C-alpha atoms as a PDB file:
ATOM      1  CA  MET A   1      26.173  13.838 -34.304  1.00  0.00           C
ATOM      2  CA  ILE A   2      25.172  15.505 -31.071  1.00  0.00           C
ATOM      3  CA  ASN A   3      23.353  18.825 -31.281  1.00  0.00           C
ATOM      4  CA  HIS A   4      24.163  20.735 -28.106  1.00  0.00           C
ATOM      5  CA  GLY A   5      21.788  23.529 -29.120  1.00  0.00           C
ATOM      6  CA  LYS A   6      22.549  27.138 -28.196  1.00  0.00           C
ATOM      7  CA  VAL A   7      25.427  27.516 -25.792  1.00  0.00           C
ATOM      8  CA  ARG A   8      27.288  30.479 -24.304  1.00  0.00           C
ATOM      9  CA  SER A   9      30.945  31.043 -23.636  1.00  0.00           C
ATOM     10  CA  THR A  10      33.163  33.883 -22.475  1.00  0.00           C
ATOM     11  CA  VAL A  11      35.712  32.802 -25.107  1.00  0.00           C
ATOM     12  CA  LYS A  12      34.966  33.285 -28.803  1.00  0.00           C
ATOM     13  CA  PRO A  13      34.852  29.825 -30.387  1.00  0.00           C
ATOM     14  CA  GLU A  14      36.534  28.797 -33.597  1.00  0.00           C
ATOM     15  CA  ASN A  15      34.127  27.781 -36.368  1.00  0.00           C
ATOM     16  CA  THR A  16      35.674  24.307 -36.444  1.00  0.00           C
ATOM     17  CA  SER A  17      37.616  22.730 -33.619  1.00  0.00           C
ATOM     18  CA  ILE A  18      39.119  19.233 -33.488  1.00  0.00           C
ATOM     19  CA  ASP A  19      40.122  17.270 -30.417  1.00  0.00           C
ATOM     20  CA  GLU A  20      41.253  13.680 -29.959  1.00  0.00           C
ATOM     21  CA  TYR A  21      37.791  12.172 -30.522  1.00  0.00           C
ATOM     22  CA  SER A  22      35.469  14.819 -31.957  1.00  0.00           C
ATOM     23  CA  VAL A  23      34.994  17.620 -34.444  1.00  0.00           C
ATOM     24  CA  TRP A  24      33.120  20.598 -32.991  1.00  0.00           C
ATOM     25  CA  ILE A  25      31.238  23.007 -35.266  1.00  0.00           C
ATOM     26  CA  ALA A  26      30.098  26.408 -33.977  1.00  0.00           C
ATOM     27  CA  ASN A  27      27.488  28.180 -36.130  1.00  0.00           C
ATOM     28  CA  ASN A  28      25.746  31.563 -35.888  1.00  0.00           C
ATOM     29  CA  ILE A  29      28.241  33.028 -33.418  1.00  0.00           C
ATOM     30  CA  GLU A  30      26.825  36.184 -31.811  1.00  0.00           C
ATOM     31  CA  GLU A  31      28.579  38.554 -29.423  1.00  0.00           C
ATOM     32  CA  ILE A  32      26.380  39.451 -26.460  1.00  0.00           C
ATOM     33  CA  THR A  33      26.971  42.098 -23.806  1.00  0.00           C
ATOM     34  CA  VAL A  34      25.865  40.798 -20.405  1.00  0.00           C
ATOM     35  CA  LYS A  35      25.212  43.145 -17.483  1.00  0.00           C
ATOM     36  CA  ASP A  36      25.703  41.887 -13.937  1.00  0.00           C
ATOM     37  CA  ILE A  37      23.051  43.663 -11.860  1.00  0.00           C
ATOM     38  CA  GLU A  38      24.717  43.028  -8.509  1.00  0.00           C
ATOM     39  CA  SER A  39      28.158  44.388  -9.396  1.00  0.00           C
ATOM     40  CA  ASN A  40      26.861  46.814 -12.047  1.00  0.00           C
ATOM     41  CA  THR A  41      29.473  45.618 -14.555  1.00  0.00           C
ATOM     42  CA  THR A  42      29.261  44.282 -18.087  1.00  0.00           C
ATOM     43  CA  HIS A  43      31.195  41.606 -19.947  1.00  0.00           C
ATOM     44  CA  ILE A  44      31.127  39.987 -23.363  1.00  0.00           C
ATOM     45  CA  GLU A  45      29.824  36.479 -23.985  1.00  0.00           C
ATOM     46  CA  TYR A  46      29.367  34.525 -27.193  1.00  0.00           C
ATOM     47  CA  GLU A  47      26.204  32.599 -28.002  1.00  0.00           C
ATOM     48  CA  TYR A  48      26.255  30.000 -30.751  1.00  0.00           C
ATOM     49  CA  GLU A  49      24.836  26.684 -31.957  1.00  0.00           C
ATOM     50  CA  LEU A  50      27.208  23.801 -31.214  1.00  0.00           C
ATOM     51  CA  LEU A  51      27.373  20.507 -33.105  1.00  0.00           C
ATOM     52  CA  GLN A  52      29.647  17.618 -32.161  1.00  0.00           C
ATOM     53  CA  TYR A  53      30.638  14.916 -34.658  1.00  0.00           C
ATOM     54  CA  THR A  54      32.811  11.883 -34.186  1.00  0.00           C
ATOM     55  CA  LYS A  55      35.769  12.046 -36.537  1.00  0.00           C
ATOM     56  CA  ASP A  56      34.285   9.227 -38.644  1.00  0.00           C
ATOM     57  CA  GLU A  57      30.935  11.045 -38.940  1.00  0.00           C
ATOM     58  CA  TYR A  58      32.688  14.230 -39.972  1.00  0.00           C
ATOM     59  CA  ILE A  59      34.828  12.478 -42.606  1.00  0.00           C
ATOM     60  CA  LYS A  60      31.678  10.898 -44.054  1.00  0.00           C
ATOM     61  CA  LEU A  61      29.881  14.266 -44.074  1.00  0.00           C
ATOM     62  CA  MET A  62      32.794  15.965 -45.861  1.00  0.00           C
ATOM     63  CA  SER A  63      32.982  13.103 -48.356  1.00  0.00           C
ATOM     64  CA  GLU A  64      29.265  13.411 -49.152  1.00  0.00           C
ATOM     65  CA  GLN A  65      29.548  17.188 -49.563  1.00  0.00           C
ATOM     66  CA  ASN A  66      32.566  16.736 -51.849  1.00  0.00           C
ATOM     67  CA  TYR A  67      30.628  14.220 -53.956  1.00  0.00           C
ATOM     68  CA  GLU A  68      27.667  16.614 -54.269  1.00  0.00           C
ATOM     69  CA  THR A  69      30.027  19.409 -55.323  1.00  0.00           C
ATOM     70  CA  GLN A  70      31.599  17.185 -57.965  1.00  0.00           C
ATOM     71  CA  LEU A  71      28.153  16.285 -59.353  1.00  0.00           C
ATOM     72  CA  ALA A  72      27.200  19.958 -59.516  1.00  0.00           C
ATOM     73  CA  LEU A  73      30.433  20.745 -61.385  1.00  0.00           C
ATOM     74  CA  VAL A  74      29.793  17.951 -63.876  1.00  0.00           C
ATOM     75  CA  GLU A  75      26.305  19.320 -64.544  1.00  0.00           C
ATOM     76  CA  LEU A  76      27.750  22.803 -64.990  1.00  0.00           C
ATOM     77  CA  TYR A  77      30.426  21.603 -67.423  1.00  0.00           C
ATOM     78  CA  GLU A  78      27.855  19.619 -69.398  1.00  0.00           C
ATOM     79  CA  SER A  79      25.567  22.650 -69.650  1.00  0.00           C
ATOM     80  CA  LEU A  80      28.504  24.699 -70.976  1.00  0.00           C
ATOM     81  CA  GLY A  81      29.318  22.034 -73.546  1.00  0.00           C
ATOM     82  CA  VAL A  82      32.814  21.484 -72.202  1.00  0.00           C
END
């Protein structure tokens, strides 16, 4: 995983984006109005935290999260006496 930190873009990112080699995750997307002092104009930018995973890393992460969810469901079912 590569944490690119906070980045800005003039295009609103998708929460999850996949290309040939990576899975990109954009979190905490905020719309920001930026004023250009010289031209006295404003435009919209988006600031967000950007994480980049290889596809293998992302598959492993999803697998681990799925396993944790299954364990939580088992505990819930057992507590209900099902």
